[in-house]
């Protein structure tokens, strides 16, 4: 049974996330000069539905909601058509579309977390599903384009921003005013993701950190060895 204090989000919230996700997929398709009409719609659908597909598969909600309600397909097709029609002008609006993309990450995080709570999952699994849903479309689009998934390599905190939105939504949602919870969660997503371009912060790279520690320890050992030799009367200069 669903949790009594967790209500379903309005369909409009889901459709808004799908629309802007599909629009982002269309812009990604426009970056490849050999992408045809089928490729554009495929990438638009992948970006628009990816988060929802990941969410529904993890929750066993089959067939996925995107295939049960024709409005999802209609909205994704409209976004793809609009994106192709104004592709040149939309690409010029890159700085404007960045916050829209961030809002989409936040919306998918909220929708995924909400669906997990409705399925009577605990807060931690709900946050995990919300985080995966927030970047599911990005992962699927990268796979279709043959690119290394951007969330797996050093870069801006996309998945971390999605997690921030999922955590905020799970903590604040009471089931009475979902729009307020969504708004605060999206703001949290935007603030975390802004740390990338504003403060030039990337997600830490464990291997690089381990390499840096290894170099520091090696230099420290060499310094200690020089000090010992110098204390024994060696003529080797200290640096």
C-alpha atoms as a PDB file:
ATOM      1  CA  UNK A   1       0.000   0.000   0.000  1.00  0.00           C
ATOM      2  CA  UNK A   2       1.229   3.520  -0.734  1.00  0.00           C
ATOM      3  CA  UNK A   3       2.392   5.638   2.148  1.00  0.00           C
ATOM      4  CA  UNK A   4      -0.609   7.643   3.397  1.00  0.00           C
ATOM      5  CA  UNK A   5       1.293  10.925   3.518  1.00  0.00           C
ATOM      6  CA  UNK A   6       2.752  10.665   0.015  1.00  0.00           C
ATOM      7  CA  UNK A   7       0.559  11.725  -2.881  1.00  0.00           C
ATOM      8  CA  UNK A   8       1.113  11.324  -6.590  1.00  0.00           C
ATOM      9  CA  UNK A   9       2.542  14.332  -8.392  1.00  0.00           C
ATOM     10  CA  UNK A  10       0.404  16.111 -10.986  1.00  0.00           C
ATOM     11  CA  UNK A  11       0.819  14.759 -14.504  1.00  0.00           C
ATOM     12  CA  UNK A  12       1.884  18.239 -15.622  1.00  0.00           C
ATOM     13  CA  UNK A  13       5.094  17.968 -13.545  1.00  0.00           C
ATOM     14  CA  UNK A  14       6.019  14.735 -15.314  1.00  0.00           C
ATOM     15  CA  UNK A  15       5.212  16.168 -18.741  1.00  0.00           C
ATOM     16  CA  UNK A  16       7.245  19.327 -18.134  1.00  0.00           C
ATOM     17  CA  UNK A  17      10.255  17.187 -17.232  1.00  0.00           C
ATOM     18  CA  UNK A  18       9.746  15.038 -20.339  1.00  0.00           C
ATOM     19  CA  UNK A  19       9.352  18.092 -22.598  1.00  0.00           C
ATOM     20  CA  UNK A  20      12.552  19.813 -21.555  1.00  0.00           C
ATOM     21  CA  UNK A  21      14.422  16.516 -21.407  1.00  0.00           C
ATOM     22  CA  UNK A  22      13.373  15.715 -24.983  1.00  0.00           C
ATOM     23  CA  UNK A  23      14.326  19.242 -26.039  1.00  0.00           C
ATOM     24  CA  UNK A  24      17.776  18.674 -24.576  1.00  0.00           C
ATOM     25  CA  UNK A  25      18.032  15.368 -26.472  1.00  0.00           C
ATOM     26  CA  UNK A  26      17.159  17.175 -29.717  1.00  0.00           C
ATOM     27  CA  UNK A  27      19.939  19.685 -29.111  1.00  0.00           C
ATOM     28  CA  UNK A  28      22.366  16.840 -28.455  1.00  0.00           C
ATOM     29  CA  UNK A  29      21.304  15.275 -31.747  1.00  0.00           C
ATOM     30  CA  UNK A  30      21.963  18.592 -33.483  1.00  0.00           C
ATOM     31  CA  UNK A  31      25.601  18.423 -32.396  1.00  0.00           C
ATOM     32  CA  UNK A  32      26.113  15.403 -34.688  1.00  0.00           C
ATOM     33  CA  UNK A  33      26.060  16.386 -38.347  1.00  0.00           C
ATOM     34  CA  UNK A  34      25.132  12.878 -39.546  1.00  0.00           C
ATOM     35  CA  UNK A  35      22.090  12.375 -37.299  1.00  0.00           C
ATOM     36  CA  UNK A  36      18.946  11.845 -39.365  1.00  0.00           C
ATOM     37  CA  UNK A  37      15.266  12.356 -38.519  1.00  0.00           C
ATOM     38  CA  UNK A  38      14.957   8.971 -36.801  1.00  0.00           C
ATOM     39  CA  UNK A  39      18.083   9.664 -34.785  1.00  0.00           C
ATOM     40  CA  UNK A  40      16.726  13.011 -33.604  1.00  0.00           C
ATOM     41  CA  UNK A  41      13.462  11.485 -32.356  1.00  0.00           C
ATOM     42  CA  UNK A  42      15.353   8.585 -30.791  1.00  0.00           C
ATOM     43  CA  UNK A  43      17.668  10.860 -28.807  1.00  0.00           C
ATOM     44  CA  UNK A  44      14.776  13.132 -27.864  1.00  0.00           C
ATOM     45  CA  UNK A  45      12.833  10.141 -26.532  1.00  0.00           C
ATOM     46  CA  UNK A  46      15.899   8.759 -24.741  1.00  0.00           C
ATOM     47  CA  UNK A  47      16.552  12.040 -22.964  1.00  0.00           C
ATOM     48  CA  UNK A  48      12.889  12.639 -22.224  1.00  0.00           C
ATOM     49  CA  UNK A  49      11.965   9.115 -21.100  1.00  0.00           C
ATOM     50  CA  UNK A  50      15.295   7.808 -19.796  1.00  0.00           C
ATOM     51  CA  UNK A  51      14.794   8.894 -16.211  1.00  0.00           C
ATOM     52  CA  UNK A  52      11.241   7.560 -16.127  1.00  0.00           C
ATOM     53  CA  UNK A  53      12.287   4.247 -17.663  1.00  0.00           C
ATOM     54  CA  UNK A  54      15.021   3.744 -15.067  1.00  0.00           C
ATOM     55  CA  UNK A  55      12.585   4.617 -12.302  1.00  0.00           C
ATOM     56  CA  UNK A  56       9.820   2.289 -13.508  1.00  0.00           C
ATOM     57  CA  UNK A  57      12.188  -0.613 -14.187  1.00  0.00           C
ATOM     58  CA  UNK A  58      13.671  -0.390 -10.700  1.00  0.00           C
ATOM     59  CA  UNK A  59      10.212  -0.224  -9.143  1.00  0.00           C
ATOM     60  CA  UNK A  60       8.725  -2.982 -11.320  1.00  0.00           C
ATOM     61  CA  UNK A  61       6.172  -0.514 -12.639  1.00  0.00           C
ATOM     62  CA  UNK A  62       5.658  -2.171 -16.020  1.00  0.00           C
ATOM     63  CA  UNK A  63       4.928  -1.291 -18.699  1.00  0.00           C
ATOM     64  CA  UNK A  64       6.583   2.069 -17.999  1.00  0.00           C
ATOM     65  CA  UNK A  65       4.334   5.094 -17.589  1.00  0.00           C
ATOM     66  CA  UNK A  66       5.759   6.660 -20.764  1.00  0.00           C
ATOM     67  CA  UNK A  67       4.171   3.838 -22.803  1.00  0.00           C
ATOM     68  CA  UNK A  68       0.874   3.685 -20.941  1.00  0.00           C
ATOM     69  CA  UNK A  69      -0.105   7.305 -21.416  1.00  0.00           C
ATOM     70  CA  UNK A  70       0.061   8.707 -24.986  1.00  0.00           C
ATOM     71  CA  UNK A  71       0.567  12.228 -23.654  1.00  0.00           C
ATOM     72  CA  UNK A  72       4.191  11.389 -22.870  1.00  0.00           C
ATOM     73  CA  UNK A  73       4.906  10.449 -26.477  1.00  0.00           C
ATOM     74  CA  UNK A  74       2.999  13.475 -27.756  1.00  0.00           C
ATOM     75  CA  UNK A  75       4.974  15.865 -25.550  1.00  0.00           C
ATOM     76  CA  UNK A  76       8.309  14.295 -26.529  1.00  0.00           C
ATOM     77  CA  UNK A  77       7.391  14.481 -30.233  1.00  0.00           C
ATOM     78  CA  UNK A  78       6.362  18.133 -29.849  1.00  0.00           C
ATOM     79  CA  UNK A  79       9.651  18.951 -28.133  1.00  0.00           C
ATOM     80  CA  UNK A  80      11.622  17.179 -30.886  1.00  0.00           C
ATOM     81  CA  UNK A  81       9.690  18.976 -33.625  1.00  0.00           C
ATOM     82  CA  UNK A  82      10.122  22.349 -31.943  1.00  0.00           C
ATOM     83  CA  UNK A  83      13.794  21.675 -31.355  1.00  0.00           C
ATOM     84  CA  UNK A  84      14.433  20.763 -34.989  1.00  0.00           C
ATOM     85  CA  UNK A  85      12.473  23.780 -36.241  1.00  0.00           C
ATOM     86  CA  UNK A  86      14.428  26.244 -34.143  1.00  0.00           C
ATOM     87  CA  UNK A  87      17.640  24.261 -33.711  1.00  0.00           C
ATOM     88  CA  UNK A  88      19.902  27.063 -34.937  1.00  0.00           C
ATOM     89  CA  UNK A  89      18.418  29.609 -32.547  1.00  0.00           C
ATOM     90  CA  UNK A  90      18.224  27.202 -29.613  1.00  0.00           C
ATOM     91  CA  UNK A  91      21.917  26.379 -29.902  1.00  0.00           C
ATOM     92  CA  UNK A  92      22.635  30.103 -29.669  1.00  0.00           C
ATOM     93  CA  UNK A  93      20.768  30.106 -26.348  1.00  0.00           C
ATOM     94  CA  UNK A  94      23.143  27.662 -24.675  1.00  0.00           C
ATOM     95  CA  UNK A  95      23.617  29.773 -21.510  1.00  0.00           C
ATOM     96  CA  UNK A  96      19.827  30.051 -21.191  1.00  0.00           C
ATOM     97  CA  UNK A  97      19.224  26.330 -21.684  1.00  0.00           C
ATOM     98  CA  UNK A  98      21.725  25.338 -18.989  1.00  0.00           C
ATOM     99  CA  UNK A  99      19.428  26.333 -16.119  1.00  0.00           C
ATOM    100  CA  UNK A 100      16.541  24.602 -17.891  1.00  0.00           C
ATOM    101  CA  UNK A 101      18.603  21.410 -18.056  1.00  0.00           C
ATOM    102  CA  UNK A 102      19.363  21.787 -14.353  1.00  0.00           C
ATOM    103  CA  UNK A 103      15.677  22.203 -13.561  1.00  0.00           C
ATOM    104  CA  UNK A 104      14.966  19.005 -15.517  1.00  0.00           C
ATOM    105  CA  UNK A 105      17.500  17.116 -13.375  1.00  0.00           C
ATOM    106  CA  UNK A 106      15.739  18.402 -10.289  1.00  0.00           C
ATOM    107  CA  UNK A 107      12.272  17.530 -11.603  1.00  0.00           C
ATOM    108  CA  UNK A 108      13.249  13.971 -12.516  1.00  0.00           C
ATOM    109  CA  UNK A 109      14.867  13.579  -9.088  1.00  0.00           C
ATOM    110  CA  UNK A 110      11.592  14.636  -7.442  1.00  0.00           C
ATOM    111  CA  UNK A 111       9.428  12.430  -9.663  1.00  0.00           C
ATOM    112  CA  UNK A 112      11.672   9.404  -9.094  1.00  0.00           C
ATOM    113  CA  UNK A 113      11.833   9.907  -5.344  1.00  0.00           C
ATOM    114  CA  UNK A 114       8.080  10.424  -5.172  1.00  0.00           C
ATOM    115  CA  UNK A 115       7.367   7.216  -7.102  1.00  0.00           C
ATOM    116  CA  UNK A 116       9.680   5.254  -4.808  1.00  0.00           C
ATOM    117  CA  UNK A 117       7.942   6.597  -1.707  1.00  0.00           C
ATOM    118  CA  UNK A 118       4.560   5.704  -3.180  1.00  0.00           C
ATOM    119  CA  UNK A 119       5.889   2.156  -3.647  1.00  0.00           C
ATOM    120  CA  UNK A 120       6.398   2.087   0.154  1.00  0.00           C
ATOM    121  CA  UNK A 121      10.193   2.132  -0.018  1.00  0.00           C
ATOM    122  CA  UNK A 122      12.326   3.687   2.692  1.00  0.00           C
ATOM    123  CA  UNK A 123      13.964   7.062   2.399  1.00  0.00           C
ATOM    124  CA  UNK A 124      17.420   5.780   1.360  1.00  0.00           C
ATOM    125  CA  UNK A 125      16.181   3.563  -1.528  1.00  0.00           C
ATOM    126  CA  UNK A 126      13.885   6.402  -2.620  1.00  0.00           C
ATOM    127  CA  UNK A 127      16.826   8.807  -2.756  1.00  0.00           C
ATOM    128  CA  UNK A 128      18.886   6.325  -4.769  1.00  0.00           C
ATOM    129  CA  UNK A 129      16.084   5.811  -7.276  1.00  0.00           C
ATOM    130  CA  UNK A 130      15.501   9.566  -7.483  1.00  0.00           C
ATOM    131  CA  UNK A 131      19.193  10.148  -8.173  1.00  0.00           C
ATOM    132  CA  UNK A 132      19.294   7.496 -10.906  1.00  0.00           C
ATOM    133  CA  UNK A 133      16.122   8.891 -12.447  1.00  0.00           C
ATOM    134  CA  UNK A 134      17.614  12.382 -12.527  1.00  0.00           C
ATOM    135  CA  UNK A 135      20.481  11.302 -14.813  1.00  0.00           C
ATOM    136  CA  UNK A 136      18.887   8.266 -16.501  1.00  0.00           C
ATOM    137  CA  UNK A 137      18.146  10.171 -19.690  1.00  0.00           C
ATOM    138  CA  UNK A 138      21.688  11.524 -19.858  1.00  0.00           C
ATOM    139  CA  UNK A 139      23.169   8.030 -19.424  1.00  0.00           C
ATOM    140  CA  UNK A 140      20.923   6.518 -22.105  1.00  0.00           C
ATOM    141  CA  UNK A 141      21.671   9.336 -24.555  1.00  0.00           C
ATOM    142  CA  UNK A 142      25.418   8.930 -24.036  1.00  0.00           C
ATOM    143  CA  UNK A 143      25.114   5.209 -24.749  1.00  0.00           C
ATOM    144  CA  UNK A 144      23.139   5.769 -27.949  1.00  0.00           C
ATOM    145  CA  UNK A 145      25.693   8.320 -29.159  1.00  0.00           C
ATOM    146  CA  UNK A 146      28.612   6.040 -28.338  1.00  0.00           C
ATOM    147  CA  UNK A 147      30.031   8.460 -25.792  1.00  0.00           C
ATOM    148  CA  UNK A 148      31.542   7.650 -22.395  1.00  0.00           C
ATOM    149  CA  UNK A 149      28.867   8.467 -19.855  1.00  0.00           C
ATOM    150  CA  UNK A 150      29.560  11.985 -18.608  1.00  0.00           C
ATOM    151  CA  UNK A 151      28.555  11.154 -15.034  1.00  0.00           C
ATOM    152  CA  UNK A 152      31.270   8.471 -14.822  1.00  0.00           C
ATOM    153  CA  UNK A 153      34.202  10.795 -15.483  1.00  0.00           C
ATOM    154  CA  UNK A 154      35.617  13.975 -14.016  1.00  0.00           C
ATOM    155  CA  UNK A 155      33.196  16.805 -14.632  1.00  0.00           C
ATOM    156  CA  UNK A 156      30.551  19.052 -13.107  1.00  0.00           C
ATOM    157  CA  UNK A 157      28.373  17.630 -10.304  1.00  0.00           C
ATOM    158  CA  UNK A 158      25.383  16.501 -12.394  1.00  0.00           C
ATOM    159  CA  UNK A 159      24.547  13.325 -10.491  1.00  0.00           C
ATOM    160  CA  UNK A 160      25.459  14.970  -7.183  1.00  0.00           C
ATOM    161  CA  UNK A 161      23.035  17.775  -8.007  1.00  0.00           C
ATOM    162  CA  UNK A 162      20.333  15.191  -8.732  1.00  0.00           C
ATOM    163  CA  UNK A 163      21.068  13.520  -5.410  1.00  0.00           C
ATOM    164  CA  UNK A 164      20.775  16.874  -3.642  1.00  0.00           C
ATOM    165  CA  UNK A 165      17.332  17.322  -5.184  1.00  0.00           C
ATOM    166  CA  UNK A 166      16.271  13.796  -4.225  1.00  0.00           C
ATOM    167  CA  UNK A 167      17.470  14.191  -0.633  1.00  0.00           C
ATOM    168  CA  UNK A 168      15.763  17.560  -0.266  1.00  0.00           C
ATOM    169  CA  UNK A 169      12.493  16.274  -1.678  1.00  0.00           C
ATOM    170  CA  UNK A 170      12.495  13.171   0.516  1.00  0.00           C
ATOM    171  CA  UNK A 171      13.166  15.224   3.638  1.00  0.00           C
ATOM    172  CA  UNK A 172      10.626  17.962   2.986  1.00  0.00           C
ATOM    173  CA  UNK A 173       7.719  16.197   1.338  1.00  0.00           C
ATOM    174  CA  UNK A 174       4.682  15.803   3.565  1.00  0.00           C
ATOM    175  CA  UNK A 175       2.031  14.957   0.973  1.00  0.00           C
ATOM    176  CA  UNK A 176       0.041  18.147   1.391  1.00  0.00           C
ATOM    177  CA  UNK A 177       1.898  20.708  -0.740  1.00  0.00           C
ATOM    178  CA  UNK A 178       4.059  18.840  -3.258  1.00  0.00           C
ATOM    179  CA  UNK A 179       4.693  21.926  -5.392  1.00  0.00           C
ATOM    180  CA  UNK A 180       6.505  23.635  -2.496  1.00  0.00           C
ATOM    181  CA  UNK A 181       8.644  20.550  -1.871  1.00  0.00           C
ATOM    182  CA  UNK A 182       9.451  20.322  -5.580  1.00  0.00           C
ATOM    183  CA  UNK A 183      10.374  24.003  -5.737  1.00  0.00           C
ATOM    184  CA  UNK A 184      12.794  23.772  -2.815  1.00  0.00           C
ATOM    185  CA  UNK A 185      14.300  20.533  -4.178  1.00  0.00           C
ATOM    186  CA  UNK A 186      14.859  22.094  -7.612  1.00  0.00           C
ATOM    187  CA  UNK A 187      16.524  25.115  -5.976  1.00  0.00           C
ATOM    188  CA  UNK A 188      18.845  22.747  -4.096  1.00  0.00           C
ATOM    189  CA  UNK A 189      19.669  21.026  -7.397  1.00  0.00           C
ATOM    190  CA  UNK A 190      20.456  24.338  -9.087  1.00  0.00           C
ATOM    191  CA  UNK A 191      22.670  25.519  -6.224  1.00  0.00           C
ATOM    192  CA  UNK A 192      24.721  22.316  -6.165  1.00  0.00           C
ATOM    193  CA  UNK A 193      25.124  22.232  -9.940  1.00  0.00           C
ATOM    194  CA  UNK A 194      26.139  25.911  -9.991  1.00  0.00           C
ATOM    195  CA  UNK A 195      29.280  24.998  -8.074  1.00  0.00           C
ATOM    196  CA  UNK A 196      30.646  23.617 -11.356  1.00  0.00           C
ATOM    197  CA  UNK A 197      30.675  26.716 -13.600  1.00  0.00           C
ATOM    198  CA  UNK A 198      30.824  29.304 -10.798  1.00  0.00           C
ATOM    199  CA  UNK A 199      33.516  27.812  -8.547  1.00  0.00           C
ATOM    200  CA  UNK A 200      35.061  25.500 -11.189  1.00  0.00           C
ATOM    201  CA  UNK A 201      34.408  22.503  -8.976  1.00  0.00           C
ATOM    202  CA  UNK A 202      34.402  18.934 -10.260  1.00  0.00           C
ATOM    203  CA  UNK A 203      33.464  15.701  -8.573  1.00  0.00           C
ATOM    204  CA  UNK A 204      36.608  14.418  -6.788  1.00  0.00           C
ATOM    205  CA  UNK A 205      38.662  11.805  -8.615  1.00  0.00           C
ATOM    206  CA  UNK A 206      39.804   9.079  -6.173  1.00  0.00           C
ATOM    207  CA  UNK A 207      42.573   7.771  -8.432  1.00  0.00           C
ATOM    208  CA  UNK A 208      44.070  11.238  -8.891  1.00  0.00           C
ATOM    209  CA  UNK A 209      43.893  11.815  -5.140  1.00  0.00           C
ATOM    210  CA  UNK A 210      45.633   8.503  -4.500  1.00  0.00           C
ATOM    211  CA  UNK A 211      48.332   9.425  -7.063  1.00  0.00           C
ATOM    212  CA  UNK A 212      48.893  12.814  -5.421  1.00  0.00           C
ATOM    213  CA  UNK A 213      49.229  11.191  -1.989  1.00  0.00           C
ATOM    214  CA  UNK A 214      51.729   8.704  -3.398  1.00  0.00           C
ATOM    215  CA  UNK A 215      53.853  11.528  -4.844  1.00  0.00           C
ATOM    216  CA  UNK A 216      53.736  13.475  -1.566  1.00  0.00           C
ATOM    217  CA  UNK A 217      54.786  10.418   0.441  1.00  0.00           C
ATOM    218  CA  UNK A 218      57.636   9.709  -1.967  1.00  0.00           C
ATOM    219  CA  UNK A 219      58.888  13.288  -1.701  1.00  0.00           C
ATOM    220  CA  UNK A 220      58.541  13.165   2.078  1.00  0.00           C
ATOM    221  CA  UNK A 221      60.593   9.950   2.225  1.00  0.00           C
ATOM    222  CA  UNK A 222      63.338  11.503   0.074  1.00  0.00           C
ATOM    223  CA  UNK A 223      63.422  14.602   2.294  1.00  0.00           C
ATOM    224  CA  UNK A 224      63.735  12.482   5.428  1.00  0.00           C
ATOM    225  CA  UNK A 225      66.532  10.468   3.831  1.00  0.00           C
ATOM    226  CA  UNK A 226      68.448  13.674   3.003  1.00  0.00           C
ATOM    227  CA  UNK A 227      68.014  14.919   6.569  1.00  0.00           C
ATOM    228  CA  UNK A 228      69.390  11.665   7.960  1.00  0.00           C
ATOM    229  CA  UNK A 229      72.391  11.781   5.621  1.00  0.00           C
ATOM    230  CA  UNK A 230      73.012  15.435   6.473  1.00  0.00           C
ATOM    231  CA  UNK A 231      72.867  14.689  10.206  1.00  0.00           C
ATOM    232  CA  UNK A 232      75.576  12.065   9.676  1.00  0.00           C
ATOM    233  CA  UNK A 233      77.881  14.644   8.128  1.00  0.00           C
ATOM    234  CA  UNK A 234      77.065  14.173   4.446  1.00  0.00           C
ATOM    235  CA  UNK A 235      78.045  17.074   2.151  1.00  0.00           C
ATOM    236  CA  UNK A 236      74.846  16.694   0.093  1.00  0.00           C
ATOM    237  CA  UNK A 237      73.056  20.081   0.124  1.00  0.00           C
ATOM    238  CA  UNK A 238      69.539  20.287   1.524  1.00  0.00           C
ATOM    239  CA  UNK A 239      66.866  21.566  -0.872  1.00  0.00           C
END
